[in-house]
Amino acid sequence: MNGGPDAAVDWVWRARSPLAMLTRAALLPAAGLYRLGSSVRNAAYDAGLLRSSALPVPSVGIGNLSVGGTGKTPLAMFAAQELLERGLRPGIVLRGYGGDEIAEHRAASPSAVVESGADRHAAAAAAVERGAEVLVLDDCLQRRDVVPDVMLALVSAETWTGLRWPLPAGPWREGVGALRRADAVVVTRKLASQQEAERLAAALAGRTRGRAGIVAALEPGDLVPLRGGAPQPVESLRGRDLVAVAGIGEPDMFAAAFERKGARVRLLAFGDHHAYTADEVAWIVKSMPRDGVAITTAKDAVKLAPLWPAGATACLVARLRVTITAGADRLGELLDRAATAARRKNPGTAAAPSVRES
């Protein structure tokens, strides 16, 4: 389904048709200017001509090289939960594009302070004012004006291969050289094998300043009804007809995850951060097969919930479950570093265990 301008952008970046390829080629001059501007800006920061400054409390940065599709938001939630289990109140700071990620973070991390804004320093200060003792910076690899204590750079095992065209011809913000600003690379996988992800993590680890490679599996967890109710296991979808509604960076992979669980899936793909209308939701509901069920992402759910008609076909929300399948010890050490620095900054903080208890 055509989801508007964002869907058109996704088509330009990912479609294999001759027209899409010609469109990408036409955008190469603009992409070259974007890459040049990014390189000049980074060189200015590296030379000290542009200044970076620390945040009021220790922080963990989560960022990526491309636009969307790497699991950045679930990893930020995971990091916030890990810091919470270390006895600290986390603050999640993000740009807040479209508003959906703000609501998603608040729903998934009720114990955390969530602040958004283009000025990350101001948002960080607001989070600390509200009681945050350590920060998780969602989407900050390109934010050279802030200096996180720990930086994790994410890449997707599924989208790493092939041409990595810069914006606007493709979704890539930076090349692999940006990994030198990270303490570790986190390779996320949804459909790729563990072995494939581990090979990529090993190949990229040496490019990071911490020489660390981590693999994180992203899989659908329990399904929660859009309008509330008891969760149900994803295995309950086996053999059922699903309509997958997704306004995210890689909607095809969202649908494929349920196909692998044995469901028959029809994908309705919208652009990333799509703002749904009542007419679109009515169309989605009307297009549902008899005895079918809708499935959507946590990011889409915050926008669909107010519009989903009472008494309509059920819509289930799939939250991605993060499982660290390689490099868990190294990730734990990095999070411990931030937690220890936060305790020094806040001597009254209870000293919780430095590792997650099973």
Protein backbone atom coordinates (compact mmCIF):
# COMPACT_ATOMS: atom_id res chain seq x y z
CA MET A 1 0.00 0.00 0.00
CA ASN A 2 1.18 3.51 -0.74
CA GLY A 3 1.76 5.26 2.58
CA GLY A 4 2.58 8.69 1.18
CA PRO A 5 5.94 10.50 0.85
CA ASP A 6 7.78 8.23 3.30
CA ALA A 7 6.69 5.14 1.37
CA ALA A 8 7.99 6.77 -1.83
CA VAL A 9 11.36 7.29 -0.15
CA ASP A 10 11.47 3.62 0.88
CA TRP A 11 10.68 2.66 -2.72
CA VAL A 12 13.57 4.76 -4.04
CA TRP A 13 16.02 3.23 -1.57
CA ARG A 14 15.02 -0.41 -1.75
CA ALA A 15 13.05 -1.26 -4.90
CA ARG A 16 14.82 -3.30 -7.59
CA SER A 17 12.84 -1.99 -10.56
CA PRO A 18 14.65 -0.15 -13.38
CA LEU A 19 12.76 3.06 -12.55
CA ALA A 20 13.86 2.94 -8.90
CA MET A 21 17.47 2.31 -9.96
CA LEU A 22 17.37 5.28 -12.34
CA THR A 23 15.91 7.45 -9.59
CA ARG A 24 18.72 6.45 -7.22
CA ALA A 25 21.29 7.21 -9.92
CA ALA A 26 19.76 10.66 -10.44
CA LEU A 27 20.19 11.34 -6.73
CA LEU A 28 23.90 10.46 -6.69
CA PRO A 29 25.12 14.09 -7.06
CA ALA A 30 23.06 15.09 -4.02
CA ALA A 31 24.34 12.02 -2.19
CA GLY A 32 27.90 13.05 -2.99
CA LEU A 33 27.28 16.51 -1.55
CA TYR A 34 25.73 14.96 1.56
CA ARG A 35 28.75 12.69 2.09
CA LEU A 36 31.12 15.61 1.53
CA GLY A 37 29.26 17.78 4.03
CA SER A 38 29.26 14.97 6.59
CA SER A 39 33.00 14.42 6.12
CA VAL A 40 33.80 18.14 6.50
CA ARG A 41 31.65 18.34 9.64
CA ASN A 42 33.33 15.29 11.20
CA ALA A 43 36.77 16.64 10.33
CA ALA A 44 35.89 19.93 12.05
CA TYR A 45 34.94 18.06 15.23
CA ASP A 46 38.04 15.86 15.05
CA ALA A 47 40.24 18.96 14.70
CA GLY A 48 38.52 20.77 17.56
CA LEU A 49 37.10 23.50 15.33
CA LEU A 50 33.64 22.43 16.46
CA ARG A 51 33.26 21.64 20.13
CA SER A 52 31.76 18.61 21.83
CA SER A 53 30.71 18.73 25.47
CA ALA A 54 29.84 16.24 28.16
CA LEU A 55 26.36 15.70 29.55
CA PRO A 56 25.39 16.35 33.20
CA VAL A 57 25.43 12.63 34.10
CA PRO A 58 27.10 9.55 32.54
CA SER A 59 25.44 8.24 29.40
CA VAL A 60 25.20 5.35 26.93
CA GLY A 61 24.79 6.33 23.29
CA ILE A 62 22.90 4.16 20.81
CA GLY A 63 23.30 5.01 17.14
CA ASN A 64 23.51 3.58 13.66
CA LEU A 65 25.05 4.17 10.29
CA SER A 66 21.78 4.09 8.36
CA VAL A 67 18.24 5.40 8.63
CA GLY A 68 15.90 2.92 10.32
CA GLY A 69 15.72 -0.84 10.39
CA THR A 70 18.56 -1.68 12.78
CA GLY A 71 16.58 -2.07 16.01
CA LYS A 72 17.90 1.11 17.60
CA THR A 73 14.81 1.77 19.71
CA PRO A 74 14.57 -1.80 21.13
CA LEU A 75 18.30 -1.68 21.97
CA ALA A 76 17.85 1.66 23.73
CA MET A 77 15.02 0.12 25.77
CA PHE A 78 17.21 -2.88 26.54
CA ALA A 79 20.06 -0.66 27.72
CA ALA A 80 17.69 1.35 29.91
CA GLN A 81 16.37 -1.84 31.52
CA GLU A 82 19.91 -3.11 32.13
CA LEU A 83 20.85 0.15 33.85
CA LEU A 84 17.66 0.01 35.91
CA GLU A 85 18.64 -3.47 37.08
CA ARG A 86 21.99 -2.03 38.13
CA GLY A 87 20.16 0.16 40.62
CA LEU A 88 19.99 3.38 38.60
CA ARG A 89 17.07 5.39 37.28
CA PRO A 90 17.69 5.83 33.55
CA GLY A 91 16.69 8.77 31.44
CA ILE A 92 16.03 8.15 27.75
CA VAL A 93 16.84 11.14 25.56
CA LEU A 94 15.84 11.23 21.89
CA ARG A 95 15.00 13.55 19.06
CA GLY A 96 11.39 12.41 19.09
CA TYR A 97 10.72 12.50 15.36
CA GLY A 98 7.00 12.01 14.74
CA GLY A 99 6.22 11.48 18.42
CA ASP A 100 5.78 7.72 18.09
CA GLU A 101 9.13 6.76 19.59
CA ILE A 102 8.48 8.99 22.63
CA ALA A 103 5.22 7.20 23.40
CA GLU A 104 6.81 3.83 22.67
CA HIS A 105 9.64 4.46 25.13
CA ARG A 106 7.23 5.67 27.82
CA ALA A 107 5.03 2.60 27.41
CA ALA A 108 7.93 0.14 27.42
CA SER A 109 10.03 1.82 30.14
CA PRO A 110 7.61 3.27 32.74
CA SER A 111 10.38 3.51 35.36
CA ALA A 112 12.57 5.65 33.10
CA VAL A 113 12.47 9.39 32.48
CA VAL A 114 11.83 10.10 28.79
CA GLU A 115 12.75 13.49 27.33
CA SER A 116 12.92 14.60 23.71
CA GLY A 117 14.12 17.58 21.75
CA ALA A 118 16.46 18.73 19.01
CA ASP A 119 18.76 20.19 21.68
CA ARG A 120 20.10 17.03 23.34
CA HIS A 121 21.87 18.99 26.09
CA ALA A 122 18.62 20.70 27.08
CA ALA A 123 16.71 17.40 26.93
CA ALA A 124 19.40 15.71 29.03
CA ALA A 125 19.27 18.50 31.62
CA ALA A 126 15.48 18.13 31.79
CA ALA A 127 15.80 14.37 32.33
CA VAL A 128 18.30 14.90 35.15
CA GLU A 129 16.02 17.51 36.71
CA ARG A 130 13.29 14.86 36.78
CA GLY A 131 15.52 12.36 38.54
CA ALA A 132 17.54 10.55 35.87
CA GLU A 133 20.86 9.27 37.22
CA VAL A 134 22.22 7.87 33.95
CA LEU A 135 21.18 8.57 30.35
CA VAL A 136 20.49 6.46 27.28
CA LEU A 137 20.81 8.54 24.12
CA ASP A 138 18.60 7.11 21.37
CA ASP A 139 20.10 7.88 17.93
CA CYS A 140 23.26 9.85 18.67
CA LEU A 141 26.14 8.46 16.61
CA GLN A 142 25.96 11.51 14.34
CA ARG A 143 25.40 13.91 17.27
CA ARG A 144 29.01 15.02 17.60
CA ASP A 145 28.06 17.85 19.97
CA VAL A 146 27.49 15.37 22.82
CA VAL A 147 30.05 13.01 24.34
CA PRO A 148 28.56 9.74 25.67
CA ASP A 149 30.60 7.71 28.14
CA VAL A 150 29.80 4.57 26.12
CA MET A 151 28.86 4.49 22.43
CA LEU A 152 27.22 1.49 20.74
CA ALA A 153 26.94 1.57 16.93
CA LEU A 154 24.29 -0.69 15.40
CA VAL A 155 24.29 -2.34 11.98
CA SER A 156 21.75 -4.78 10.58
CA ALA A 157 22.97 -8.15 9.36
CA GLU A 158 20.15 -8.21 6.80
CA THR A 159 20.87 -4.85 5.18
CA TRP A 160 24.68 -4.75 5.37
CA THR A 161 25.34 -6.43 2.03
CA GLY A 162 24.92 -4.62 -1.27
CA LEU A 163 25.48 -0.99 -2.19
CA ARG A 164 25.60 1.41 0.74
CA TRP A 165 24.47 4.59 -0.99
CA PRO A 166 24.46 7.79 1.09
CA LEU A 167 21.39 9.91 1.68
CA PRO A 168 19.29 10.82 -0.28
CA ALA A 169 20.09 8.10 -2.85
CA GLY A 170 20.08 5.49 -0.09
CA PRO A 171 19.51 5.19 3.65
CA TRP A 172 23.17 5.44 4.74
CA ARG A 173 24.14 8.38 6.92
CA GLU A 174 27.83 7.45 7.19
CA GLY A 175 30.30 4.81 6.08
CA VAL A 176 32.17 2.29 8.21
CA GLY A 177 34.68 4.96 9.26
CA ALA A 178 32.11 6.20 11.78
CA LEU A 179 32.63 3.01 13.80
CA ARG A 180 35.88 4.43 15.15
CA ARG A 181 33.72 6.64 17.39
CA ALA A 182 32.06 3.58 18.95
CA ASP A 183 33.17 1.38 21.83
CA ALA A 184 31.47 -1.60 20.20
CA VAL A 185 29.52 -2.54 17.12
CA VAL A 186 26.21 -4.32 17.75
CA VAL A 187 25.08 -6.44 14.82
CA THR A 188 21.33 -6.94 15.01
CA ARG A 189 19.66 -9.85 13.27
CA LYS A 190 16.03 -10.62 12.51
CA LEU A 191 16.19 -13.14 9.67
CA ALA A 192 19.93 -13.65 9.26
CA SER A 193 21.59 -16.65 10.88
CA GLN A 194 23.64 -16.42 14.06
CA GLN A 195 26.76 -17.49 12.14
CA GLU A 196 26.27 -14.76 9.54
CA ALA A 197 25.82 -12.12 12.23
CA GLU A 198 28.86 -13.31 14.17
CA ARG A 199 31.03 -13.15 11.05
CA LEU A 200 29.94 -9.56 10.43
CA ALA A 201 30.51 -8.59 14.08
CA ALA A 202 34.01 -10.07 13.95
CA ALA A 203 34.79 -8.26 10.69
CA LEU A 204 33.65 -4.88 12.04
CA ALA A 205 34.88 -5.13 15.65
CA GLY A 206 38.41 -4.03 14.74
CA ARG A 207 37.07 -0.77 13.32
CA THR A 208 35.71 0.33 16.73
CA ARG A 209 37.83 2.01 19.37
CA GLY A 210 36.90 -0.76 21.80
CA ARG A 211 37.54 -3.53 19.26
CA ALA A 212 34.34 -5.22 20.38
CA GLY A 213 31.66 -7.01 18.37
CA ILE A 214 28.25 -7.95 19.81
CA VAL A 215 25.30 -9.77 18.25
CA ALA A 216 21.71 -9.08 19.26
CA ALA A 217 18.78 -11.18 18.04
CA LEU A 218 15.52 -9.25 17.56
CA GLU A 219 12.45 -11.48 17.63
CA PRO A 220 8.77 -10.88 18.30
CA GLY A 221 7.90 -11.46 21.94
CA ASP A 222 4.45 -12.01 23.39
CA LEU A 223 1.60 -10.28 21.56
CA VAL A 224 -0.48 -7.71 23.41
CA PRO A 225 -3.98 -6.66 22.20
CA LEU A 226 -4.01 -3.09 20.92
CA ARG A 227 -6.89 -2.16 23.24
CA GLY A 228 -5.52 -4.06 26.23
CA GLY A 229 -5.92 -7.58 27.48
CA ALA A 230 -3.93 -10.68 28.25
CA PRO A 231 -0.81 -11.29 26.14
CA GLN A 232 -0.62 -14.35 23.95
CA PRO A 233 2.41 -16.23 22.63
CA VAL A 234 3.57 -15.57 19.10
CA GLU A 235 3.24 -19.30 18.42
CA SER A 236 -0.56 -18.87 18.60
CA LEU A 237 -0.42 -17.27 15.14
CA ARG A 238 0.66 -20.47 13.40
CA GLY A 239 -1.69 -21.28 10.55
CA ARG A 240 -3.63 -18.00 10.84
CA ASP A 241 -4.22 -15.26 8.27
CA LEU A 242 -2.48 -12.04 9.30
CA VAL A 243 -2.46 -8.51 7.98
CA ALA A 244 0.83 -6.93 9.08
CA VAL A 245 0.56 -3.14 9.42
CA ALA A 246 3.99 -1.56 9.58
CA GLY A 247 5.28 2.00 9.27
CA ILE A 248 8.92 1.23 10.05
CA GLY A 249 12.29 1.15 8.31
CA GLU A 250 12.19 -2.50 7.18
CA PRO A 251 8.54 -3.61 6.98
CA ASP A 252 9.32 -6.71 4.90
CA MET A 253 11.37 -8.18 7.74
CA PHE A 254 8.55 -7.52 10.20
CA ALA A 255 6.16 -9.56 8.04
CA ALA A 256 8.75 -12.28 7.38
CA ALA A 257 9.20 -12.86 11.12
CA PHE A 258 5.59 -14.08 11.35
CA GLU A 259 5.82 -16.09 8.17
CA ARG A 260 8.64 -17.98 9.86
CA LYS A 261 6.25 -18.68 12.73
CA GLY A 262 3.88 -20.40 10.32
CA ALA A 263 1.37 -17.60 9.68
CA ARG A 264 0.00 -16.52 6.30
CA VAL A 265 0.90 -12.83 6.09
CA ARG A 266 -0.28 -9.96 3.92
CA LEU A 267 1.86 -6.85 4.44
CA LEU A 268 0.49 -3.30 4.43
CA ALA A 269 3.69 -1.25 4.42
CA PHE A 270 3.67 2.46 5.19
CA GLY A 271 6.59 4.87 5.38
CA ASP A 272 8.74 5.06 8.49
CA HIS A 273 7.05 7.13 11.25
CA HIS A 274 3.84 7.22 9.21
CA ALA A 275 1.00 9.28 10.71
CA TYR A 276 -2.15 7.21 10.18
CA THR A 277 -5.50 8.77 9.38
CA ALA A 278 -8.94 7.54 10.36
CA ASP A 279 -9.69 6.75 6.71
CA GLU A 280 -6.57 4.61 6.43
CA VAL A 281 -7.42 2.68 9.58
CA ALA A 282 -10.97 2.13 8.31
CA TRP A 283 -9.50 0.81 5.05
CA ILE A 284 -7.18 -1.54 6.96
CA VAL A 285 -10.05 -2.91 9.02
CA LYS A 286 -12.25 -3.34 5.95
CA SER A 287 -9.50 -5.25 4.15
CA MET A 288 -9.13 -7.82 6.92
CA PRO A 289 -9.95 -11.41 5.92
CA ARG A 290 -12.72 -13.27 7.72
CA ASP A 291 -11.35 -14.78 10.95
CA GLY A 292 -8.09 -12.97 10.33
CA VAL A 293 -6.10 -10.80 12.72
CA ALA A 294 -4.05 -7.63 12.36
CA ILE A 295 -0.53 -7.43 13.71
CA THR A 296 1.48 -4.24 14.15
CA THR A 297 4.63 -2.87 15.74
CA ALA A 298 4.90 -1.11 19.08
CA LYS A 299 5.87 2.08 17.25
CA ASP A 300 2.75 1.94 15.08
CA ALA A 301 0.50 0.91 17.97
CA VAL A 302 0.70 4.27 19.74
CA LYS A 303 -0.80 5.92 16.63
CA LEU A 304 -3.26 3.20 15.68
CA ALA A 305 -4.81 2.70 19.13
CA PRO A 306 -6.87 5.94 19.19
CA LEU A 307 -8.16 5.26 15.68
CA TRP A 308 -8.93 1.54 15.83
CA PRO A 309 -12.73 1.12 15.82
CA ALA A 310 -14.34 -0.50 18.85
CA GLY A 311 -15.58 -3.96 17.99
CA ALA A 312 -13.34 -4.23 14.91
CA THR A 313 -11.13 -7.17 14.09
CA ALA A 314 -8.51 -7.74 16.74
CA CYS A 315 -5.16 -6.02 16.36
CA LEU A 316 -2.16 -7.42 18.20
CA VAL A 317 1.02 -5.53 19.05
CA ALA A 318 4.36 -7.29 18.67
CA ARG A 319 7.18 -5.92 20.77
CA LEU A 320 10.66 -6.96 19.72
CA ARG A 321 12.50 -9.06 22.28
CA VAL A 322 16.25 -8.38 22.46
CA THR A 323 18.53 -11.34 23.17
CA ILE A 324 22.30 -10.86 23.23
CA THR A 325 23.60 -13.98 21.48
CA ALA A 326 27.30 -13.09 21.28
CA GLY A 327 29.45 -10.63 23.22
CA ALA A 328 27.15 -10.43 26.25
CA ASP A 329 30.10 -10.17 28.66
CA ARG A 330 31.61 -7.28 26.71
CA LEU A 331 28.30 -5.45 26.58
CA GLY A 332 27.91 -6.00 30.32
CA GLU A 333 31.33 -4.47 30.93
CA LEU A 334 30.43 -1.38 28.91
CA LEU A 335 27.14 -0.90 30.75
CA ASP A 336 28.94 -1.46 34.06
CA ARG A 337 31.33 1.33 33.09
CA ALA A 338 28.47 3.78 32.67
CA ALA A 339 26.74 2.53 35.83
CA THR A 340 29.91 2.86 37.92
CA ALA A 341 30.46 6.40 36.65
CA ALA A 342 26.85 7.23 37.49
CA ARG A 343 27.24 5.95 41.05
CA ARG A 344 30.29 8.15 41.49
CA LYS A 345 28.25 11.10 40.27
CA ASN A 346 25.37 10.15 42.60
CA PRO A 347 26.99 8.71 45.77
CA GLY A 348 23.59 8.06 47.32
CA THR A 349 22.64 5.56 44.62
CA ALA A 350 22.27 2.02 45.89
CA ALA A 351 24.99 -0.29 44.63
CA ALA A 352 23.02 -2.89 42.68
CA PRO A 353 24.62 -6.05 41.23
CA SER A 354 26.74 -5.25 38.17
CA VAL A 355 25.37 -8.18 36.20
CA ARG A 356 21.83 -9.19 35.37
CA GLU A 357 20.50 -11.88 37.67
CA SER A 358 18.76 -14.82 36.02
